[in-house]
All heavy atoms as atom14 arrays in JSON, in Angstrom:
{
  "sequence": "RIFKDKEMQKLIRTLAKTCGIVVLTDSDAAGFQIRAMLSGIVWEG",
  "atom14_mask": [
    [1, 1, 1, 1, 1, 1, 1, 1, 1, 1, 1, 0, 0, 0],
    [1, 1, 1, 1, 1, 1, 1, 1, 0, 0, 0, 0, 0, 0],
    [1, 1, 1, 1, 1, 1, 1, 1, 1, 1, 1, 0, 0, 0],
    [1, 1, 1, 1, 1, 1, 1, 1, 1, 0, 0, 0, 0, 0],
    [1, 1, 1, 1, 1, 1, 1, 1, 0, 0, 0, 0, 0, 0],
    [1, 1, 1, 1, 1, 1, 1, 1, 1, 0, 0, 0, 0, 0],
    [1, 1, 1, 1, 1, 1, 1, 1, 1, 0, 0, 0, 0, 0],
    [1, 1, 1, 1, 1, 1, 1, 1, 0, 0, 0, 0, 0, 0],
    [1, 1, 1, 1, 1, 1, 1, 1, 1, 0, 0, 0, 0, 0],
    [1, 1, 1, 1, 1, 1, 1, 1, 1, 0, 0, 0, 0, 0],
    [1, 1, 1, 1, 1, 1, 1, 1, 0, 0, 0, 0, 0, 0],
    [1, 1, 1, 1, 1, 1, 1, 1, 0, 0, 0, 0, 0, 0],
    [1, 1, 1, 1, 1, 1, 1, 1, 1, 1, 1, 0, 0, 0],
    [1, 1, 1, 1, 1, 1, 1, 0, 0, 0, 0, 0, 0, 0],
    [1, 1, 1, 1, 1, 1, 1, 1, 0, 0, 0, 0, 0, 0],
    [1, 1, 1, 1, 1, 0, 0, 0, 0, 0, 0, 0, 0, 0],
    [1, 1, 1, 1, 1, 1, 1, 1, 1, 0, 0, 0, 0, 0],
    [1, 1, 1, 1, 1, 1, 1, 0, 0, 0, 0, 0, 0, 0],
    [1, 1, 1, 1, 1, 1, 0, 0, 0, 0, 0, 0, 0, 0],
    [1, 1, 1, 1, 0, 0, 0, 0, 0, 0, 0, 0, 0, 0],
    [1, 1, 1, 1, 1, 1, 1, 1, 0, 0, 0, 0, 0, 0],
    [1, 1, 1, 1, 1, 1, 1, 0, 0, 0, 0, 0, 0, 0],
    [1, 1, 1, 1, 1, 1, 1, 0, 0, 0, 0, 0, 0, 0],
    [1, 1, 1, 1, 1, 1, 1, 1, 0, 0, 0, 0, 0, 0],
    [1, 1, 1, 1, 1, 1, 1, 0, 0, 0, 0, 0, 0, 0],
    [1, 1, 1, 1, 1, 1, 1, 1, 0, 0, 0, 0, 0, 0],
    [1, 1, 1, 1, 1, 1, 0, 0, 0, 0, 0, 0, 0, 0],
    [1, 1, 1, 1, 1, 1, 1, 1, 0, 0, 0, 0, 0, 0],
    [1, 1, 1, 1, 1, 0, 0, 0, 0, 0, 0, 0, 0, 0],
    [1, 1, 1, 1, 1, 0, 0, 0, 0, 0, 0, 0, 0, 0],
    [1, 1, 1, 1, 0, 0, 0, 0, 0, 0, 0, 0, 0, 0],
    [1, 1, 1, 1, 1, 1, 1, 1, 1, 1, 1, 0, 0, 0],
    [1, 1, 1, 1, 1, 1, 1, 1, 1, 0, 0, 0, 0, 0],
    [1, 1, 1, 1, 1, 1, 1, 1, 0, 0, 0, 0, 0, 0],
    [1, 1, 1, 1, 1, 1, 1, 1, 1, 1, 1, 0, 0, 0],
    [1, 1, 1, 1, 1, 0, 0, 0, 0, 0, 0, 0, 0, 0],
    [1, 1, 1, 1, 1, 1, 1, 1, 0, 0, 0, 0, 0, 0],
    [1, 1, 1, 1, 1, 1, 1, 1, 0, 0, 0, 0, 0, 0],
    [1, 1, 1, 1, 1, 1, 0, 0, 0, 0, 0, 0, 0, 0],
    [1, 1, 1, 1, 0, 0, 0, 0, 0, 0, 0, 0, 0, 0],
    [1, 1, 1, 1, 1, 1, 1, 1, 0, 0, 0, 0, 0, 0],
    [1, 1, 1, 1, 1, 1, 1, 0, 0, 0, 0, 0, 0, 0],
    [1, 1, 1, 1, 1, 1, 1, 1, 1, 1, 1, 1, 1, 1],
    [1, 1, 1, 1, 1, 1, 1, 1, 1, 0, 0, 0, 0, 0],
    [1, 1, 1, 1, 0, 0, 0, 0, 0, 0, 0, 0, 0, 0]
  ],
  "atom14_positions": [
    [[-28.15, -57.03, 15.43], [-27.58, -57.53, 14.17], [-27.29, -56.38, 13.21], [-26.43, -56.49, 12.33], [-28.54, -58.52, 13.51], [-28.68, -59.83, 14.27], [-29.61, -60.79, 13.55], [-29.87, -61.99, 14.35], [-30.7, -62.96, 13.98], [-31.32, -62.89, 12.81], [-30.89, -64.0, 14.77], [0.0, 0.0, 0.0], [0.0, 0.0, 0.0], [0.0, 0.0, 0.0]],
    [[-28.01, -55.28, 13.37], [-27.81, -54.12, 12.51], [-26.38, -53.6, 12.59], [-25.86, -53.02, 11.64], [-28.8, -52.99, 12.87], [-28.73, -51.84, 11.86], [-28.55, -52.47, 14.27], [-29.13, -52.22, 10.46], [0.0, 0.0, 0.0], [0.0, 0.0, 0.0], [0.0, 0.0, 0.0], [0.0, 0.0, 0.0], [0.0, 0.0, 0.0], [0.0, 0.0, 0.0]],
    [[-25.7, -53.84, 13.71], [-24.32, -53.36, 13.88], [-23.36, -54.02, 12.88], [-22.33, -53.44, 12.55], [-23.84, -53.61, 15.31], [-24.41, -52.65, 16.32], [-25.72, -52.79, 16.77], [-23.65, -51.6, 16.81], [-26.24, -51.9, 17.7], [-24.17, -50.7, 17.74], [-25.47, -50.85, 18.18], [0.0, 0.0, 0.0], [0.0, 0.0, 0.0], [0.0, 0.0, 0.0]],
    [[-23.71, -55.23, 12.4], [-22.84, -55.94, 11.47], [-23.46, -56.1, 10.09], [-22.76, -56.54, 9.16], [-22.5, -57.34, 12.03], [-21.68, -57.31, 13.31], [-21.32, -58.71, 13.76], [-20.46, -58.69, 15.02], [-20.11, -60.07, 15.47], [0.0, 0.0, 0.0], [0.0, 0.0, 0.0], [0.0, 0.0, 0.0], [0.0, 0.0, 0.0], [0.0, 0.0, 0.0]],
    [[-24.71, -55.75, 9.94], [-25.42, -55.95, 8.68], [-25.18, -54.75, 7.76], [-25.92, -53.77, 7.76], [-26.92, -56.13, 8.94], [-27.68, -56.61, 7.72], [-27.18, -56.4, 6.59], [-28.76, -57.19, 7.88], [0.0, 0.0, 0.0], [0.0, 0.0, 0.0], [0.0, 0.0, 0.0], [0.0, 0.0, 0.0], [0.0, 0.0, 0.0], [0.0, 0.0, 0.0]],
    [[-24.13, -54.83, 6.94], [-23.74, -53.72, 6.07], [-24.8, -53.43, 5.0], [-25.0, -52.26, 4.62], [-22.4, -54.02, 5.4], [-21.26, -54.25, 6.38], [-21.06, -53.03, 7.28], [-19.89, -53.25, 8.24], [-19.71, -52.1, 9.17], [0.0, 0.0, 0.0], [0.0, 0.0, 0.0], [0.0, 0.0, 0.0], [0.0, 0.0, 0.0], [0.0, 0.0, 0.0]],
    [[-25.47, -54.46, 4.51], [-26.49, -54.25, 3.49], [-27.68, -53.47, 4.06], [-28.21, -52.57, 3.41], [-26.95, -55.59, 2.91], [-25.9, -56.28, 2.05], [-26.45, -57.5, 1.35], [-27.64, -57.84, 1.57], [-25.7, -58.12, 0.58], [0.0, 0.0, 0.0], [0.0, 0.0, 0.0], [0.0, 0.0, 0.0], [0.0, 0.0, 0.0], [0.0, 0.0, 0.0]],
    [[-28.1, -53.84, 5.26], [-29.2, -53.12, 5.89], [-28.79, -51.69, 6.22], [-29.59, -50.75, 6.06], [-29.67, -53.84, 7.15], [-30.82, -53.13, 7.89], [-32.31, -52.9, 6.87], [-32.97, -54.57, 6.87], [0.0, 0.0, 0.0], [0.0, 0.0, 0.0], [0.0, 0.0, 0.0], [0.0, 0.0, 0.0], [0.0, 0.0, 0.0], [0.0, 0.0, 0.0]],
    [[-27.56, -51.5, 6.66], [-27.08, -50.15, 6.94], [-27.14, -49.29, 5.67], [-27.56, -48.14, 5.71], [-25.64, -50.2, 7.46], [-25.5, -50.78, 8.85], [-24.06, -50.84, 9.3], [-23.21, -50.09, 8.83], [-23.76, -51.74, 10.23], [0.0, 0.0, 0.0], [0.0, 0.0, 0.0], [0.0, 0.0, 0.0], [0.0, 0.0, 0.0], [0.0, 0.0, 0.0]],
    [[-26.71, -49.87, 4.55], [-26.74, -49.15, 3.28], [-28.17, -48.8, 2.89], [-28.45, -47.68, 2.42], [-26.08, -49.99, 2.19], [-26.0, -49.29, 0.85], [-25.29, -50.17, -0.19], [-25.21, -49.46, -1.54], [-24.51, -50.31, -2.55], [0.0, 0.0, 0.0], [0.0, 0.0, 0.0], [0.0, 0.0, 0.0], [0.0, 0.0, 0.0], [0.0, 0.0, 0.0]],
    [[-29.09, -49.75, 3.07], [-30.5, -49.51, 2.75], [-31.06, -48.37, 3.6], [-31.76, -47.48, 3.09], [-31.31, -50.78, 2.98], [-32.83, -50.64, 2.82], [-33.19, -50.15, 1.43], [-33.53, -51.96, 3.15], [0.0, 0.0, 0.0], [0.0, 0.0, 0.0], [0.0, 0.0, 0.0], [0.0, 0.0, 0.0], [0.0, 0.0, 0.0], [0.0, 0.0, 0.0]],
    [[-30.74, -48.38, 4.88], [-31.23, -47.34, 5.78], [-30.69, -45.97, 5.37], [-31.42, -44.97, 5.39], [-30.87, -47.68, 7.24], [-31.72, -48.87, 7.72], [-31.09, -46.46, 8.16], [-31.34, -49.4, 9.07], [0.0, 0.0, 0.0], [0.0, 0.0, 0.0], [0.0, 0.0, 0.0], [0.0, 0.0, 0.0], [0.0, 0.0, 0.0], [0.0, 0.0, 0.0]],
    [[-29.42, -45.91, 5.0], [-28.84, -44.65, 4.54], [-29.57, -44.14, 3.28], [-29.86, -42.95, 3.15], [-27.35, -44.82, 4.24], [-26.47, -44.74, 5.46], [-25.01, -44.56, 5.09], [-24.47, -45.72, 4.43], [-23.88, -46.75, 5.06], [-23.78, -46.72, 6.39], [-23.39, -47.77, 4.4], [0.0, 0.0, 0.0], [0.0, 0.0, 0.0], [0.0, 0.0, 0.0]],
    [[-29.86, -45.08, 2.37], [-30.56, -44.71, 1.14], [-31.97, -44.19, 1.45], [-32.4, -43.18, 0.9], [-30.65, -45.92, 0.2], [-29.34, -46.35, -0.15], [-31.41, -45.57, -1.07], [0.0, 0.0, 0.0], [0.0, 0.0, 0.0], [0.0, 0.0, 0.0], [0.0, 0.0, 0.0], [0.0, 0.0, 0.0], [0.0, 0.0, 0.0], [0.0, 0.0, 0.0]],
    [[-32.67, -44.88, 2.33], [-34.03, -44.47, 2.69], [-34.02, -43.11, 3.38], [-34.89, -42.27, 3.12], [-34.67, -45.52, 3.59], [-35.02, -46.86, 2.93], [-35.41, -47.88, 3.97], [-36.14, -46.67, 1.91], [0.0, 0.0, 0.0], [0.0, 0.0, 0.0], [0.0, 0.0, 0.0], [0.0, 0.0, 0.0], [0.0, 0.0, 0.0], [0.0, 0.0, 0.0]],
    [[-33.05, -42.89, 4.27], [-32.97, -41.6, 4.96], [-32.79, -40.46, 3.97], [-33.37, -39.38, 4.13], [-31.81, -41.62, 5.96], [0.0, 0.0, 0.0], [0.0, 0.0, 0.0], [0.0, 0.0, 0.0], [0.0, 0.0, 0.0], [0.0, 0.0, 0.0], [0.0, 0.0, 0.0], [0.0, 0.0, 0.0], [0.0, 0.0, 0.0], [0.0, 0.0, 0.0]],
    [[-32.01, -40.72, 2.94], [-31.7, -39.69, 1.95], [-32.86, -39.45, 0.99], [-33.1, -38.32, 0.54], [-30.45, -40.09, 1.17], [-29.92, -39.02, 0.23], [-28.63, -39.48, -0.41], [-28.08, -38.42, -1.36], [-26.79, -38.85, -1.98], [0.0, 0.0, 0.0], [0.0, 0.0, 0.0], [0.0, 0.0, 0.0], [0.0, 0.0, 0.0], [0.0, 0.0, 0.0]],
    [[-33.59, -40.51, 0.66], [-34.63, -40.39, -0.36], [-36.02, -40.06, 0.2], [-36.74, -39.25, -0.38], [-34.73, -41.68, -1.18], [-34.97, -42.8, -0.29], [-33.44, -41.92, -1.96], [0.0, 0.0, 0.0], [0.0, 0.0, 0.0], [0.0, 0.0, 0.0], [0.0, 0.0, 0.0], [0.0, 0.0, 0.0], [0.0, 0.0, 0.0], [0.0, 0.0, 0.0]],
    [[-36.39, -40.69, 1.3], [-37.74, -40.46, 1.82], [-37.76, -40.15, 3.31], [-38.8, -39.76, 3.85], [-38.64, -41.67, 1.54], [-38.15, -43.2, 2.4], [0.0, 0.0, 0.0], [0.0, 0.0, 0.0], [0.0, 0.0, 0.0], [0.0, 0.0, 0.0], [0.0, 0.0, 0.0], [0.0, 0.0, 0.0], [0.0, 0.0, 0.0], [0.0, 0.0, 0.0]],
    [[-36.62, -40.32, 3.99], [-36.57, -40.1, 5.43], [-36.89, -41.37, 6.2], [-37.56, -42.27, 5.68], [0.0, 0.0, 0.0], [0.0, 0.0, 0.0], [0.0, 0.0, 0.0], [0.0, 0.0, 0.0], [0.0, 0.0, 0.0], [0.0, 0.0, 0.0], [0.0, 0.0, 0.0], [0.0, 0.0, 0.0], [0.0, 0.0, 0.0], [0.0, 0.0, 0.0]],
    [[-36.37, -41.46, 7.41], [-36.67, -42.62, 8.26], [-37.2, -42.16, 9.61], [-36.87, -41.09, 10.09], [-35.44, -43.53, 8.47], [-34.31, -42.78, 9.17], [-34.98, -44.14, 7.15], [-33.15, -43.69, 9.58], [0.0, 0.0, 0.0], [0.0, 0.0, 0.0], [0.0, 0.0, 0.0], [0.0, 0.0, 0.0], [0.0, 0.0, 0.0], [0.0, 0.0, 0.0]],
    [[-38.04, -43.01, 10.18], [-38.57, -42.81, 11.53], [-38.01, -43.95, 12.39], [-38.17, -45.11, 12.04], [-40.1, -42.86, 11.55], [-40.63, -42.77, 12.97], [-40.68, -41.73, 10.7], [0.0, 0.0, 0.0], [0.0, 0.0, 0.0], [0.0, 0.0, 0.0], [0.0, 0.0, 0.0], [0.0, 0.0, 0.0], [0.0, 0.0, 0.0], [0.0, 0.0, 0.0]],
    [[-37.34, -43.61, 13.48], [-36.74, -44.62, 14.35], [-37.59, -44.78, 15.6], [-37.82, -43.82, 16.34], [-35.29, -44.26, 14.73], [-34.7, -45.33, 15.65], [-34.44, -44.09, 13.48], [0.0, 0.0, 0.0], [0.0, 0.0, 0.0], [0.0, 0.0, 0.0], [0.0, 0.0, 0.0], [0.0, 0.0, 0.0], [0.0, 0.0, 0.0], [0.0, 0.0, 0.0]],
    [[-38.06, -45.99, 15.84], [-38.88, -46.31, 17.01], [-38.32, -47.55, 17.67], [-38.5, -48.67, 17.19], [-40.34, -46.53, 16.6], [-41.3, -47.0, 17.7], [-41.4, -45.97, 18.81], [-42.67, -47.3, 17.12], [0.0, 0.0, 0.0], [0.0, 0.0, 0.0], [0.0, 0.0, 0.0], [0.0, 0.0, 0.0], [0.0, 0.0, 0.0], [0.0, 0.0, 0.0]],
    [[-37.59, -47.36, 18.75], [-37.02, -48.5, 19.49], [-37.61, -48.52, 20.91], [-38.32, -47.6, 21.31], [-35.49, -48.38, 19.6], [-35.17, -47.23, 20.41], [-34.84, -48.25, 18.24], [0.0, 0.0, 0.0], [0.0, 0.0, 0.0], [0.0, 0.0, 0.0], [0.0, 0.0, 0.0], [0.0, 0.0, 0.0], [0.0, 0.0, 0.0], [0.0, 0.0, 0.0]],
    [[-37.28, -49.58, 21.63], [-37.67, -49.64, 23.04], [-36.95, -48.53, 23.8], [-35.93, -48.01, 23.34], [-37.3, -51.0, 23.65], [-38.09, -52.15, 23.02], [-39.06, -51.86, 22.27], [-37.74, -53.32, 23.27], [0.0, 0.0, 0.0], [0.0, 0.0, 0.0], [0.0, 0.0, 0.0], [0.0, 0.0, 0.0], [0.0, 0.0, 0.0], [0.0, 0.0, 0.0]],
    [[-37.45, -48.19, 24.98], [-36.86, -47.1, 25.76], [-35.85, -47.58, 26.78], [-35.59, -46.9, 27.78], [-37.97, -46.3, 26.45], [-38.7, -45.55, 25.5], [0.0, 0.0, 0.0], [0.0, 0.0, 0.0], [0.0, 0.0, 0.0], [0.0, 0.0, 0.0], [0.0, 0.0, 0.0], [0.0, 0.0, 0.0], [0.0, 0.0, 0.0], [0.0, 0.0, 0.0]],
    [[-35.27, -48.75, 26.55], [-34.23, -49.26, 27.44], [-32.85, -48.92, 26.87], [-32.73, -48.28, 25.83], [-34.38, -50.76, 27.67], [-34.36, -51.55, 26.36], [-34.08, -50.96, 25.29], [-34.63, -52.76, 26.4], [0.0, 0.0, 0.0], [0.0, 0.0, 0.0], [0.0, 0.0, 0.0], [0.0, 0.0, 0.0], [0.0, 0.0, 0.0], [0.0, 0.0, 0.0]],
    [[-31.82, -49.34, 27.57], [-30.45, -49.02, 27.16], [-30.15, -49.56, 25.76], [-29.52, -48.89, 24.94], [-29.46, -49.58, 28.17], [0.0, 0.0, 0.0], [0.0, 0.0, 0.0], [0.0, 0.0, 0.0], [0.0, 0.0, 0.0], [0.0, 0.0, 0.0], [0.0, 0.0, 0.0], [0.0, 0.0, 0.0], [0.0, 0.0, 0.0], [0.0, 0.0, 0.0]],
    [[-30.6, -50.78, 25.47], [-30.35, -51.38, 24.16], [-31.0, -50.57, 23.05], [-30.4, -50.33, 21.99], [-30.87, -52.82, 24.14], [0.0, 0.0, 0.0], [0.0, 0.0, 0.0], [0.0, 0.0, 0.0], [0.0, 0.0, 0.0], [0.0, 0.0, 0.0], [0.0, 0.0, 0.0], [0.0, 0.0, 0.0], [0.0, 0.0, 0.0], [0.0, 0.0, 0.0]],
    [[-32.22, -50.13, 23.29], [-32.92, -49.32, 22.29], [-32.2, -48.03, 21.99], [-32.1, -47.61, 20.82], [0.0, 0.0, 0.0], [0.0, 0.0, 0.0], [0.0, 0.0, 0.0], [0.0, 0.0, 0.0], [0.0, 0.0, 0.0], [0.0, 0.0, 0.0], [0.0, 0.0, 0.0], [0.0, 0.0, 0.0], [0.0, 0.0, 0.0], [0.0, 0.0, 0.0]],
    [[-31.68, -47.39, 23.03], [-30.95, -46.14, 22.82], [-29.6, -46.37, 22.15], [-29.12, -45.52, 21.4], [-30.79, -45.39, 24.15], [-31.97, -44.51, 24.46], [-33.14, -45.04, 24.97], [-31.94, -43.15, 24.21], [-34.25, -44.24, 25.24], [-33.03, -42.34, 24.46], [-34.19, -42.89, 24.98], [0.0, 0.0, 0.0], [0.0, 0.0, 0.0], [0.0, 0.0, 0.0]],
    [[-28.99, -47.54, 22.37], [-27.75, -47.86, 21.66], [-28.01, -48.0, 20.17], [-27.22, -47.54, 19.34], [-27.16, -49.16, 22.2], [-26.54, -49.03, 23.59], [-26.04, -50.37, 24.11], [-25.57, -51.21, 23.34], [-26.16, -50.59, 25.4], [0.0, 0.0, 0.0], [0.0, 0.0, 0.0], [0.0, 0.0, 0.0], [0.0, 0.0, 0.0], [0.0, 0.0, 0.0]],
    [[-29.13, -48.64, 19.81], [-29.48, -48.81, 18.4], [-29.78, -47.45, 17.77], [-29.36, -47.17, 16.64], [-30.66, -49.78, 18.25], [-30.22, -51.19, 18.65], [-31.21, -49.76, 16.83], [-31.34, -52.21, 18.73], [0.0, 0.0, 0.0], [0.0, 0.0, 0.0], [0.0, 0.0, 0.0], [0.0, 0.0, 0.0], [0.0, 0.0, 0.0], [0.0, 0.0, 0.0]],
    [[-30.48, -46.58, 18.49], [-30.76, -45.23, 17.98], [-29.44, -44.5, 17.68], [-29.28, -43.87, 16.62], [-31.53, -44.42, 19.01], [-32.98, -44.72, 19.13], [-33.64, -43.75, 20.1], [-34.96, -44.17, 20.47], [-36.06, -43.92, 19.76], [-35.95, -43.21, 18.65], [-37.23, -44.34, 20.16], [0.0, 0.0, 0.0], [0.0, 0.0, 0.0], [0.0, 0.0, 0.0]],
    [[-28.51, -44.57, 18.63], [-27.23, -43.87, 18.47], [-26.47, -44.43, 17.28], [-25.84, -43.68, 16.52], [-26.41, -43.99, 19.75], [0.0, 0.0, 0.0], [0.0, 0.0, 0.0], [0.0, 0.0, 0.0], [0.0, 0.0, 0.0], [0.0, 0.0, 0.0], [0.0, 0.0, 0.0], [0.0, 0.0, 0.0], [0.0, 0.0, 0.0], [0.0, 0.0, 0.0]],
    [[-26.51, -45.74, 17.12], [-25.82, -46.37, 16.01], [-26.4, -45.9, 14.68], [-25.66, -45.54, 13.74], [-25.93, -47.89, 16.14], [-25.21, -48.68, 15.07], [-26.29, -49.03, 13.67], [-25.14, -49.88, 12.6], [0.0, 0.0, 0.0], [0.0, 0.0, 0.0], [0.0, 0.0, 0.0], [0.0, 0.0, 0.0], [0.0, 0.0, 0.0], [0.0, 0.0, 0.0]],
    [[-27.74, -45.87, 14.56], [-28.38, -45.44, 13.32], [-28.05, -43.98, 13.02], [-27.79, -43.61, 11.87], [-29.89, -45.64, 13.41], [-30.37, -47.09, 13.47], [-31.87, -47.15, 13.65], [-29.96, -47.85, 12.22], [0.0, 0.0, 0.0], [0.0, 0.0, 0.0], [0.0, 0.0, 0.0], [0.0, 0.0, 0.0], [0.0, 0.0, 0.0], [0.0, 0.0, 0.0]],
    [[-28.05, -43.16, 14.05], [-27.71, -41.76, 13.87], [-26.27, -41.62, 13.36], [-25.98, -40.74, 12.56], [-27.87, -41.01, 15.2], [-27.5, -39.66, 15.06], [0.0, 0.0, 0.0], [0.0, 0.0, 0.0], [0.0, 0.0, 0.0], [0.0, 0.0, 0.0], [0.0, 0.0, 0.0], [0.0, 0.0, 0.0], [0.0, 0.0, 0.0], [0.0, 0.0, 0.0]],
    [[-25.4, -42.51, 13.8], [-24.0, -42.45, 13.41], [-23.73, -42.9, 11.99], [-22.74, -42.47, 11.38], [0.0, 0.0, 0.0], [0.0, 0.0, 0.0], [0.0, 0.0, 0.0], [0.0, 0.0, 0.0], [0.0, 0.0, 0.0], [0.0, 0.0, 0.0], [0.0, 0.0, 0.0], [0.0, 0.0, 0.0], [0.0, 0.0, 0.0], [0.0, 0.0, 0.0]],
    [[-24.6, -43.75, 11.43], [-24.34, -44.26, 10.07], [-25.09, -43.47, 8.99], [-24.81, -43.63, 7.8], [-24.7, -45.75, 9.93], [-26.21, -45.96, 10.09], [-23.9, -46.6, 10.91], [-26.68, -47.34, 9.66], [0.0, 0.0, 0.0], [0.0, 0.0, 0.0], [0.0, 0.0, 0.0], [0.0, 0.0, 0.0], [0.0, 0.0, 0.0], [0.0, 0.0, 0.0]],
    [[-26.04, -42.62, 9.41], [-26.8, -41.83, 8.44], [-26.16, -40.46, 8.33], [-26.21, -39.66, 9.26], [-28.28, -41.71, 8.85], [-29.01, -40.75, 7.91], [-28.95, -43.08, 8.84], [0.0, 0.0, 0.0], [0.0, 0.0, 0.0], [0.0, 0.0, 0.0], [0.0, 0.0, 0.0], [0.0, 0.0, 0.0], [0.0, 0.0, 0.0], [0.0, 0.0, 0.0]],
    [[-25.55, -40.18, 7.2], [-24.81, -38.93, 7.01], [-25.64, -37.87, 6.3], [-25.37, -36.68, 6.39], [-23.53, -39.21, 6.22], [-22.75, -40.34, 6.81], [-22.33, -40.46, 8.11], [-22.32, -41.53, 6.16], [-21.66, -41.65, 8.3], [-21.63, -42.33, 7.11], [-22.42, -42.01, 4.85], [-21.08, -43.57, 6.8], [-21.88, -43.24, 4.54], [-21.21, -44.0, 5.51]],
    [[-26.63, -38.3, 5.55], [-27.5, -37.38, 4.83], [-28.95, -37.81, 5.0], [-29.23, -39.0, 5.22], [-27.17, -37.35, 3.33], [-25.79, -36.86, 2.97], [-25.58, -36.88, 1.47], [-26.1, -35.97, 0.79], [-24.92, -37.82, 0.98], [0.0, 0.0, 0.0], [0.0, 0.0, 0.0], [0.0, 0.0, 0.0], [0.0, 0.0, 0.0], [0.0, 0.0, 0.0]],
    [[-29.86, -36.85, 4.86], [-31.26, -37.2, 4.9], [-31.92, -36.9, 6.23], [-31.35, -36.2, 7.08], [0.0, 0.0, 0.0], [0.0, 0.0, 0.0], [0.0, 0.0, 0.0], [0.0, 0.0, 0.0], [0.0, 0.0, 0.0], [0.0, 0.0, 0.0], [0.0, 0.0, 0.0], [0.0, 0.0, 0.0], [0.0, 0.0, 0.0], [0.0, 0.0, 0.0]]
  ]
}
């Protein structure tokens, strides 16, 4: 759902910039897709 949730994406970007984020997903293909997506939307932090 994070792929379409613009508000959550914005919140994550803000958190990355202000305090940093730790990403912990499952180690399957889906988990790595989510990691890649988060890395792609965070430009600072």
